[in-house]
Amino acid sequence: MKNFLANIGFGNVVSAGRVVAVVNPGSSPIKKLREEARERGKLIDATEGKKIRSIIITDSDHIILSAIQVETIVQRISGQKPSVDGL
């Protein structure tokens, strides 16, 4: 896996090699996962108060909330040129 920092919006970065999944926040199982992470103290909110557009799951069981679209984060992690999203 790649070993670099990927921008997840608002100057926040995540280690690309630690990312297990990037998912949409809308489904019930993902909402439950988010609440469980909050209870365990493993939730990181990197949205700066904006709408949650993706959830990043890491190999350390941390759940990171981002205001960036899933597709954009995946492009950034995979090293492809991301589309312009304004953040």
Protein backbone atom coordinates (compact mmCIF):
# COMPACT_ATOMS: atom_id res chain seq x y z
CA MET A 1 0.00 0.00 0.00
CA LYS A 2 1.08 3.56 -0.57
CA ASN A 3 2.90 5.34 2.24
CA PHE A 4 2.06 9.04 1.87
CA LEU A 5 -0.36 11.59 3.31
CA ALA A 6 -3.56 12.24 1.38
CA ASN A 7 -5.53 15.47 1.76
CA ILE A 8 -9.07 14.87 3.09
CA GLY A 9 -10.11 18.53 3.11
CA PHE A 10 -9.50 21.74 5.04
CA GLY A 11 -5.79 21.04 5.45
CA ASN A 12 -6.40 17.66 7.09
CA VAL A 13 -4.49 14.61 5.90
CA VAL A 14 -4.59 10.87 6.46
CA SER A 15 -1.89 8.27 5.94
CA ALA A 16 -2.92 6.52 2.72
CA GLY A 17 -1.36 3.25 3.87
CA ARG A 18 -3.64 3.11 6.94
CA VAL A 19 -6.93 3.48 5.02
CA VAL A 20 -9.02 0.31 4.83
CA ALA A 21 -12.16 1.79 3.24
CA VAL A 22 -13.79 5.03 2.13
CA VAL A 23 -17.59 4.81 2.27
CA ASN A 24 -20.73 6.90 1.82
CA PRO A 25 -22.22 8.02 5.16
CA GLY A 26 -25.89 7.34 4.40
CA SER A 27 -26.54 3.68 5.22
CA SER A 28 -27.77 2.42 8.59
CA PRO A 29 -24.76 0.12 9.22
CA ILE A 30 -22.36 3.00 8.58
CA LYS A 31 -24.31 5.29 10.91
CA LYS A 32 -24.13 2.58 13.59
CA LEU A 33 -20.37 2.20 12.98
CA ARG A 34 -19.99 5.96 13.39
CA GLU A 35 -21.89 6.02 16.69
CA GLU A 36 -19.91 3.06 18.05
CA ALA A 37 -16.66 4.85 17.14
CA ARG A 38 -17.89 7.97 18.97
CA GLU A 39 -18.61 5.92 22.09
CA ARG A 40 -15.14 4.30 21.98
CA GLY A 41 -13.38 7.64 21.41
CA LYS A 42 -12.21 6.60 17.93
CA LEU A 43 -14.18 9.17 15.89
CA ILE A 44 -12.30 12.01 14.19
CA ASP A 45 -14.37 14.82 12.67
CA ALA A 46 -12.45 16.57 9.87
CA THR A 47 -15.49 18.29 8.33
CA GLU A 48 -15.03 21.78 9.84
CA GLY A 49 -18.80 21.81 10.45
CA LYS A 50 -19.70 21.00 6.84
CA LYS A 51 -21.91 18.15 5.64
CA ILE A 52 -20.37 14.66 5.97
CA ARG A 53 -19.79 13.34 2.45
CA SER A 54 -17.51 10.40 3.19
CA ILE A 55 -16.32 8.25 6.04
CA ILE A 56 -12.78 6.89 6.12
CA ILE A 57 -12.12 3.68 8.02
CA THR A 58 -8.54 3.00 9.10
CA ASP A 59 -6.71 -0.16 10.15
CA SER A 60 -6.53 1.19 13.73
CA ASP A 61 -10.37 1.23 13.94
CA HIS A 62 -10.48 5.02 13.74
CA ILE A 63 -13.42 6.48 11.83
CA ILE A 64 -12.70 9.79 10.10
CA LEU A 65 -15.49 12.05 8.86
CA SER A 66 -14.76 14.16 5.78
CA ALA A 67 -16.63 16.80 3.79
CA ILE A 68 -14.98 15.56 0.58
CA GLN A 69 -16.76 13.18 -1.82
CA VAL A 70 -15.78 9.49 -1.69
CA GLU A 71 -14.60 9.51 -5.31
CA THR A 72 -12.26 12.46 -4.71
CA ILE A 73 -10.66 10.88 -1.66
CA VAL A 74 -10.17 7.59 -3.50
CA GLN A 75 -8.47 9.44 -6.35
CA ARG A 76 -6.19 11.25 -3.91
CA ILE A 77 -5.27 8.03 -2.09
CA SER A 78 -4.64 6.14 -5.32
CA GLY A 79 -2.44 8.96 -6.64
CA GLN A 80 -4.72 9.93 -9.52
CA LYS A 81 -5.38 13.56 -10.30
CA PRO A 82 -8.47 14.57 -8.26
CA SER A 83 -11.34 16.51 -9.74
CA VAL A 84 -11.85 20.08 -8.50
CA ASP A 85 -14.25 20.09 -5.54
CA GLY A 86 -13.58 23.49 -4.04
CA LEU A 87 -11.98 22.31 -0.80
